[in-house]
C-alpha atoms as a PDB file:
ATOM      1  CA  MET A   1      26.676  33.952  -8.241  1.00  0.00           C
ATOM      2  CA  ASN A   2      25.497  31.222  -5.873  1.00  0.00           C
ATOM      3  CA  HIS A   3      22.452  29.196  -6.743  1.00  0.00           C
ATOM      4  CA  PHE A   4      20.640  27.339  -4.008  1.00  0.00           C
ATOM      5  CA  ALA A   5      18.157  24.556  -4.568  1.00  0.00           C
ATOM      6  CA  PRO A   6      14.733  25.376  -3.161  1.00  0.00           C
ATOM      7  CA  ALA A   7      13.950  23.779   0.166  1.00  0.00           C
ATOM      8  CA  PRO A   8      11.789  20.658  -0.192  1.00  0.00           C
ATOM      9  CA  SER A   9       8.121  21.125   0.569  1.00  0.00           C
ATOM     10  CA  TRP A  10       6.555  19.648   3.677  1.00  0.00           C
ATOM     11  CA  ARG A  11       4.836  17.042   1.500  1.00  0.00           C
ATOM     12  CA  THR A  12       8.171  15.964   0.050  1.00  0.00           C
ATOM     13  CA  GLU A  13       9.717  15.857   3.512  1.00  0.00           C
ATOM     14  CA  LEU A  14       6.933  13.674   4.883  1.00  0.00           C
ATOM     15  CA  ARG A  15       6.997  11.328   1.869  1.00  0.00           C
ATOM     16  CA  THR A  16      10.757  10.935   2.186  1.00  0.00           C
ATOM     17  CA  ARG A  17      10.459  10.140   5.881  1.00  0.00           C
ATOM     18  CA  VAL A  18       7.777   7.514   5.273  1.00  0.00           C
ATOM     19  CA  ARG A  19       9.819   5.801   2.537  1.00  0.00           C
ATOM     20  CA  THR A  20      13.009   5.723   4.608  1.00  0.00           C
ATOM     21  CA  LEU A  21      13.538   2.303   6.237  1.00  0.00           C
ATOM     22  CA  ALA A  22       9.879   1.488   5.590  1.00  0.00           C
ATOM     23  CA  TRP A  23      10.428  -2.278   5.910  1.00  0.00           C
ATOM     24  CA  LEU A  24      12.330  -1.886   9.186  1.00  0.00           C
ATOM     25  CA  LYS A  25       9.636   0.387  10.613  1.00  0.00           C
ATOM     26  CA  ALA A  26       6.867  -2.050   9.681  1.00  0.00           C
ATOM     27  CA  LEU A  27       8.752  -5.031  11.088  1.00  0.00           C
ATOM     28  CA  GLY A  28       9.824  -3.229  14.244  1.00  0.00           C
ATOM     29  CA  ASN A  29       6.332  -1.928  14.967  1.00  0.00           C
ATOM     30  CA  THR A  30       4.847  -5.398  14.475  1.00  0.00           C
ATOM     31  CA  VAL A  31       7.389  -7.113  16.736  1.00  0.00           C
ATOM     32  CA  PHE A  32       6.935  -4.404  19.371  1.00  0.00           C
ATOM     33  CA  LEU A  33       3.156  -4.896  19.436  1.00  0.00           C
ATOM     34  CA  VAL A  34       3.431  -8.693  19.611  1.00  0.00           C
ATOM     35  CA  VAL A  35       5.839  -8.548  22.557  1.00  0.00           C
ATOM     36  CA  PHE A  36       3.815  -5.830  24.282  1.00  0.00           C
ATOM     37  CA  PHE A  37       0.545  -7.757  24.071  1.00  0.00           C
ATOM     38  CA  GLN A  38       2.160 -10.952  25.325  1.00  0.00           C
ATOM     39  CA  LEU A  39       3.263  -9.100  28.466  1.00  0.00           C
ATOM     40  CA  TYR A  40       0.001  -7.143  28.688  1.00  0.00           C
ATOM     41  CA  LEU A  41      -2.164 -10.263  28.611  1.00  0.00           C
ATOM     42  CA  ALA A  42       0.112 -12.208  30.950  1.00  0.00           C
ATOM     43  CA  ILE A  43      -0.112  -9.478  33.597  1.00  0.00           C
ATOM     44  CA  GLN A  44      -3.908  -9.392  33.274  1.00  0.00           C
ATOM     45  CA  LYS A  45      -4.223 -13.150  33.697  1.00  0.00           C
ATOM     46  CA  HIS A  46      -1.847 -13.347  36.645  1.00  0.00           C
ATOM     47  CA  PRO A  47      -2.232 -10.225  38.825  1.00  0.00           C
ATOM     48  CA  ALA A  48       0.272 -10.158  41.674  1.00  0.00           C
ATOM     49  CA  PHE A  49      -2.029  -8.274  44.028  1.00  0.00           C
ATOM     50  CA  GLU A  50      -5.718  -7.652  44.630  1.00  0.00           C
ATOM     51  CA  VAL A  51      -7.336  -5.661  41.838  1.00  0.00           C
ATOM     52  CA  ALA A  52      -8.331  -2.138  42.928  1.00  0.00           C
ATOM     53  CA  GLN A  53     -11.541  -0.564  41.653  1.00  0.00           C
ATOM     54  CA  ILE A  54     -11.370   2.886  40.053  1.00  0.00           C
ATOM     55  CA  PRO A  55     -14.362   5.079  41.031  1.00  0.00           C
ATOM     56  CA  ALA A  56     -16.474   6.868  38.468  1.00  0.00           C
ATOM     57  CA  THR A  57     -16.817  10.661  38.484  1.00  0.00           C
ATOM     58  CA  ASP A  58     -19.623  12.958  37.386  1.00  0.00           C
ATOM     59  CA  VAL A  59     -17.800  13.394  34.071  1.00  0.00           C
ATOM     60  CA  ASP A  60     -17.943   9.646  33.461  1.00  0.00           C
ATOM     61  CA  HIS A  61     -21.683   9.577  34.173  1.00  0.00           C
ATOM     62  CA  TRP A  62     -22.224  12.585  31.900  1.00  0.00           C
ATOM     63  CA  ILE A  63     -20.363  11.021  28.967  1.00  0.00           C
ATOM     64  CA  GLY A  64     -22.199   7.725  29.320  1.00  0.00           C
ATOM     65  CA  PHE A  65     -21.737   4.844  26.893  1.00  0.00           C
ATOM     66  CA  GLN A  66     -21.229   5.939  23.278  1.00  0.00           C
ATOM     67  CA  PRO A  67     -20.821   2.885  21.022  1.00  0.00           C
ATOM     68  CA  TRP A  68     -20.057   5.024  17.957  1.00  0.00           C
ATOM     69  CA  ALA A  69     -16.707   5.931  19.560  1.00  0.00           C
ATOM     70  CA  ILE A  70     -15.297   2.435  19.001  1.00  0.00           C
ATOM     71  CA  GLY A  71     -13.824   3.569  15.670  1.00  0.00           C
ATOM     72  CA  LEU A  72     -11.898   6.365  17.352  1.00  0.00           C
ATOM     73  CA  TYR A  73     -10.739   3.978  20.064  1.00  0.00           C
ATOM     74  CA  LEU A  74      -9.348   1.468  17.580  1.00  0.00           C
ATOM     75  CA  SER A  75      -7.754   4.199  15.447  1.00  0.00           C
ATOM     76  CA  LEU A  76      -5.029   4.406  18.104  1.00  0.00           C
ATOM     77  CA  TRP A  77      -3.106   1.700  16.246  1.00  0.00           C
ATOM     78  CA  VAL A  78      -2.970   3.854  13.123  1.00  0.00           C
ATOM     79  CA  TYR A  79      -2.241   7.039  15.066  1.00  0.00           C
ATOM     80  CA  THR A  80       0.644   5.590  17.081  1.00  0.00           C
ATOM     81  CA  ALA A  81       2.182   4.128  13.917  1.00  0.00           C
ATOM     82  CA  LEU A  82       2.562   7.615  12.404  1.00  0.00           C
ATOM     83  CA  PRO A  83       5.515   8.786  14.543  1.00  0.00           C
ATOM     84  CA  VAL A  84       7.237   5.508  13.708  1.00  0.00           C
ATOM     85  CA  ALA A  85       6.626   5.945   9.977  1.00  0.00           C
ATOM     86  CA  LEU A  86       7.875   9.548  10.062  1.00  0.00           C
ATOM     87  CA  GLN A  87      11.279   8.902  11.639  1.00  0.00           C
ATOM     88  CA  PRO A  88      13.956  10.067   9.141  1.00  0.00           C
ATOM     89  CA  ASP A  89      16.793   7.652   9.973  1.00  0.00           C
ATOM     90  CA  LYS A  90      17.733   4.604  12.022  1.00  0.00           C
ATOM     91  CA  GLN A  91      19.181   6.553  14.951  1.00  0.00           C
ATOM     92  CA  ARG A  92      16.016   8.544  15.515  1.00  0.00           C
ATOM     93  CA  LEU A  93      13.841   5.501  14.872  1.00  0.00           C
ATOM     94  CA  VAL A  94      15.667   3.654  17.648  1.00  0.00           C
ATOM     95  CA  GLY A  95      15.404   6.715  19.899  1.00  0.00           C
ATOM     96  CA  TYR A  96      11.651   6.834  19.440  1.00  0.00           C
ATOM     97  CA  GLY A  97      11.374   3.089  20.001  1.00  0.00           C
ATOM     98  CA  VAL A  98      13.259   3.375  23.277  1.00  0.00           C
ATOM     99  CA  ALA A  99      10.964   6.196  24.425  1.00  0.00           C
ATOM    100  CA  MET A 100       7.806   4.218  23.631  1.00  0.00           C
ATOM    101  CA  THR A 101       9.280   1.162  25.333  1.00  0.00           C
ATOM    102  CA  VAL A 102       9.919   3.197  28.490  1.00  0.00           C
ATOM    103  CA  LEU A 103       6.325   4.437  28.463  1.00  0.00           C
ATOM    104  CA  CYS A 104       4.889   0.937  28.050  1.00  0.00           C
ATOM    105  CA  VAL A 105       7.189  -0.633  30.644  1.00  0.00           C
ATOM    106  CA  LEU A 106       6.217   2.011  33.200  1.00  0.00           C
ATOM    107  CA  GLY A 107       2.547   1.310  32.544  1.00  0.00           C
ATOM    108  CA  LEU A 108       3.000  -2.453  32.764  1.00  0.00           C
ATOM    109  CA  VAL A 109       4.945  -2.154  36.019  1.00  0.00           C
ATOM    110  CA  VAL A 110       2.042  -0.198  37.529  1.00  0.00           C
ATOM    111  CA  PHE A 111      -0.437  -2.810  36.269  1.00  0.00           C
ATOM    112  CA  TYR A 112       1.647  -5.534  37.929  1.00  0.00           C
ATOM    113  CA  LEU A 113       2.213  -3.792  41.255  1.00  0.00           C
ATOM    114  CA  TRP A 114      -1.188  -2.066  41.449  1.00  0.00           C
ATOM    115  CA  PRO A 115      -3.721  -3.793  39.183  1.00  0.00           C
ATOM    116  CA  SER A 116      -6.893  -1.778  38.733  1.00  0.00           C
ATOM    117  CA  SER A 117     -10.258  -2.156  37.057  1.00  0.00           C
ATOM    118  CA  VAL A 118     -13.342  -0.140  36.142  1.00  0.00           C
ATOM    119  CA  SER A 119     -15.682  -3.142  36.245  1.00  0.00           C
ATOM    120  CA  GLU A 120     -17.601  -2.210  39.412  1.00  0.00           C
ATOM    121  CA  ALA A 121     -18.092   1.440  38.446  1.00  0.00           C
ATOM    122  CA  VAL A 122     -19.031   0.663  34.842  1.00  0.00           C
ATOM    123  CA  GLY A 123     -21.015  -2.515  35.389  1.00  0.00           C
ATOM    124  CA  PRO A 124     -21.911  -4.928  32.572  1.00  0.00           C
ATOM    125  CA  ARG A 125     -20.909  -3.526  29.205  1.00  0.00           C
ATOM    126  CA  PRO A 126     -22.932  -4.472  26.121  1.00  0.00           C
ATOM    127  CA  ALA A 127     -21.075  -6.443  23.474  1.00  0.00           C
ATOM    128  CA  GLY A 128     -23.580  -5.747  20.739  1.00  0.00           C
ATOM    129  CA  ASN A 129     -21.138  -6.144  17.871  1.00  0.00           C
ATOM    130  CA  ALA A 130     -18.004  -8.080  17.013  1.00  0.00           C
ATOM    131  CA  LEU A 131     -15.689  -5.133  17.685  1.00  0.00           C
ATOM    132  CA  PHE A 132     -16.847  -4.745  21.275  1.00  0.00           C
ATOM    133  CA  ALA A 133     -16.812  -8.500  21.829  1.00  0.00           C
ATOM    134  CA  MET A 134     -13.195  -8.617  20.631  1.00  0.00           C
ATOM    135  CA  LEU A 135     -12.273  -5.631  22.785  1.00  0.00           C
ATOM    136  CA  TYR A 136     -13.751  -7.083  25.956  1.00  0.00           C
ATOM    137  CA  ALA A 137     -12.090 -10.433  25.268  1.00  0.00           C
ATOM    138  CA  VAL A 138      -8.655  -8.757  25.203  1.00  0.00           C
ATOM    139  CA  ASP A 139      -9.184  -6.282  28.043  1.00  0.00           C
ATOM    140  CA  SER A 140     -10.270  -8.116  31.155  1.00  0.00           C
ATOM    141  CA  ASN A 141      -8.879  -6.858  34.460  1.00  0.00           C
ATOM    142  CA  GLY A 142      -5.990  -5.044  36.076  1.00  0.00           C
ATOM    143  CA  ASN A 143      -5.089  -2.588  33.333  1.00  0.00           C
ATOM    144  CA  ALA A 144      -7.249   0.447  33.994  1.00  0.00           C
ATOM    145  CA  CYS A 145      -4.984   3.062  35.569  1.00  0.00           C
ATOM    146  CA  PRO A 146      -3.009   4.635  34.028  1.00  0.00           C
ATOM    147  CA  SER A 147      -4.666   4.315  30.635  1.00  0.00           C
ATOM    148  CA  LEU A 148      -1.902   3.232  28.257  1.00  0.00           C
ATOM    149  CA  HIS A 149      -4.294   4.011  25.409  1.00  0.00           C
ATOM    150  CA  VAL A 150      -4.250   7.640  26.517  1.00  0.00           C
ATOM    151  CA  ALA A 151      -0.549   7.680  27.396  1.00  0.00           C
ATOM    152  CA  ALA A 152       0.480   6.353  23.976  1.00  0.00           C
ATOM    153  CA  SER A 153      -1.798   8.760  22.109  1.00  0.00           C
ATOM    154  CA  VAL A 154      -0.574  11.793  24.088  1.00  0.00           C
ATOM    155  CA  MET A 155       3.061  10.846  23.558  1.00  0.00           C
ATOM    156  CA  SER A 156       2.390  10.316  19.842  1.00  0.00           C
ATOM    157  CA  CYS A 157       0.695  13.713  19.678  1.00  0.00           C
ATOM    158  CA  LEU A 158       3.761  15.438  21.145  1.00  0.00           C
ATOM    159  CA  TRP A 159       6.101  13.690  18.731  1.00  0.00           C
ATOM    160  CA  LEU A 160       3.882  14.371  15.720  1.00  0.00           C
ATOM    161  CA  HIS A 161       3.680  18.034  16.712  1.00  0.00           C
ATOM    162  CA  ALA A 162       7.484  18.224  16.805  1.00  0.00           C
ATOM    163  CA  ILE A 163       7.812  16.455  13.449  1.00  0.00           C
ATOM    164  CA  LEU A 164       5.228  18.713  11.810  1.00  0.00           C
ATOM    165  CA  ARG A 165       7.090  21.743  13.114  1.00  0.00           C
ATOM    166  CA  LYS A 166      10.380  20.319  11.811  1.00  0.00           C
ATOM    167  CA  VAL A 167       9.030  19.983   8.259  1.00  0.00           C
ATOM    168  CA  ALA A 168       7.149  23.322   8.414  1.00  0.00           C
ATOM    169  CA  ALA A 169       3.760  21.688   7.905  1.00  0.00           C
ATOM    170  CA  PRO A 170       0.638  23.855   7.510  1.00  0.00           C
ATOM    171  CA  ALA A 171      -1.526  24.771  10.492  1.00  0.00           C
ATOM    172  CA  TRP A 172      -4.377  22.454   9.541  1.00  0.00           C
ATOM    173  CA  LEU A 173      -2.180  19.393  10.125  1.00  0.00           C
ATOM    174  CA  TYR A 174      -1.486  20.534  13.686  1.00  0.00           C
ATOM    175  CA  ILE A 175      -5.243  20.819  14.214  1.00  0.00           C
ATOM    176  CA  VAL A 176      -5.880  17.348  12.778  1.00  0.00           C
ATOM    177  CA  ASN A 177      -3.187  15.945  15.064  1.00  0.00           C
ATOM    178  CA  LEU A 178      -4.700  17.525  18.180  1.00  0.00           C
ATOM    179  CA  LEU A 179      -8.270  16.563  17.275  1.00  0.00           C
ATOM    180  CA  TRP A 180      -7.308  12.967  16.540  1.00  0.00           C
ATOM    181  CA  CYS A 181      -5.524  12.669  19.875  1.00  0.00           C
ATOM    182  CA  ALA A 182      -8.441  14.289  21.706  1.00  0.00           C
ATOM    183  CA  GLY A 183     -10.858  11.939  19.956  1.00  0.00           C
ATOM    184  CA  ILE A 184      -8.922   8.875  21.075  1.00  0.00           C
ATOM    185  CA  VAL A 185      -8.745  10.168  24.649  1.00  0.00           C
ATOM    186  CA  PHE A 186     -12.498  10.810  24.654  1.00  0.00           C
ATOM    187  CA  SER A 187     -13.199   7.383  23.166  1.00  0.00           C
ATOM    188  CA  THR A 188     -11.546   5.612  26.098  1.00  0.00           C
ATOM    189  CA  MET A 189     -14.273   6.993  28.356  1.00  0.00           C
ATOM    190  CA  ALA A 190     -17.080   6.810  25.795  1.00  0.00           C
ATOM    191  CA  THR A 191     -16.501   3.076  25.268  1.00  0.00           C
ATOM    192  CA  LYS A 192     -16.215   2.617  29.055  1.00  0.00           C
ATOM    193  CA  GLN A 193     -12.778   1.091  28.735  1.00  0.00           C
ATOM    194  CA  HIS A 194     -11.510   3.752  31.117  1.00  0.00           C
ATOM    195  CA  LEU A 195     -12.752   6.366  33.562  1.00  0.00           C
ATOM    196  CA  LEU A 196     -11.628   9.953  34.025  1.00  0.00           C
ATOM    197  CA  LEU A 197      -9.038   9.124  36.699  1.00  0.00           C
ATOM    198  CA  ASP A 198      -7.402   6.581  34.362  1.00  0.00           C
ATOM    199  CA  VAL A 199      -7.336   9.169  31.597  1.00  0.00           C
ATOM    200  CA  ILE A 200      -5.700  11.816  33.781  1.00  0.00           C
ATOM    201  CA  ALA A 201      -3.023   9.375  34.951  1.00  0.00           C
ATOM    202  CA  GLY A 202      -2.405   8.193  31.395  1.00  0.00           C
ATOM    203  CA  ALA A 203      -2.158  11.746  30.075  1.00  0.00           C
ATOM    204  CA  LEU A 204       0.399  12.639  32.749  1.00  0.00           C
ATOM    205  CA  LEU A 205       2.463   9.572  31.861  1.00  0.00           C
ATOM    206  CA  GLY A 206       2.307  10.393  28.158  1.00  0.00           C
ATOM    207  CA  ILE A 207       3.247  14.033  28.726  1.00  0.00           C
ATOM    208  CA  ALA A 208       6.172  13.136  30.991  1.00  0.00           C
ATOM    209  CA  VAL A 209       7.759  10.525  28.726  1.00  0.00           C
ATOM    210  CA  GLY A 210       6.821  12.342  25.527  1.00  0.00           C
ATOM    211  CA  TRP A 211       8.168  15.708  26.621  1.00  0.00           C
ATOM    212  CA  LEU A 212      11.410  14.295  28.026  1.00  0.00           C
ATOM    213  CA  SER A 213      12.054  12.221  24.901  1.00  0.00           C
ATOM    214  CA  VAL A 214      11.114  14.736  22.224  1.00  0.00           C
ATOM    215  CA  ARG A 215      13.140  17.565  23.739  1.00  0.00           C
ATOM    216  CA  ARG A 216      16.406  15.649  23.277  1.00  0.00           C
ATOM    217  CA  ARG A 217      18.729  17.333  20.801  1.00  0.00           C
ATOM    218  CA  GLY A 218      18.138  15.892  17.346  1.00  0.00           C
ATOM    219  CA  ALA A 219      15.141  13.827  18.479  1.00  0.00           C
ATOM    220  CA  VAL A 220      13.133  14.579  15.338  1.00  0.00           C
END
């Protein structure tokens, strides 16, 4: 008579993934962000061409400025760390890192060749608290379209969806994943960091790179 061990629960699967190569994931994510922001800020400070202005739409006027959304906006850095933390081995960790690098490089190339801004459409933005002051100090000009904030969150959403499906997670986690992503996307417009056209372009970039990368055999 054959006896089979019960399949590990989704909680066990997720815990195991998080613990695997935890130090390498933390170090790699940190180094990636440092390098990315060095390039990001350098391109902003030295645009190669005249900065184009992105026009506002009726949707942007309807949403208005919602300062409470700053928390959702900044939560991107937690959200995008989740697919990194949930990679089960070095090969797939590297595969995900390559995919995110491709996404960021594509965005940075666009910022260099076609710098864009929302400053004219949005006008002066209040920096009523330290979080907004810090945000405006980092984001100056030339990085509006496509929104890399949106692109990274959409790509992360696709990867998290695939990982949750792989470990047979319950339905409520899929809902949390989608709502978190949607909240971040909304926050980019609510904080007036981006306009609708930036969001659409960023979403398309995130879908393209995310879908192509996550559909590879053995990606998750």
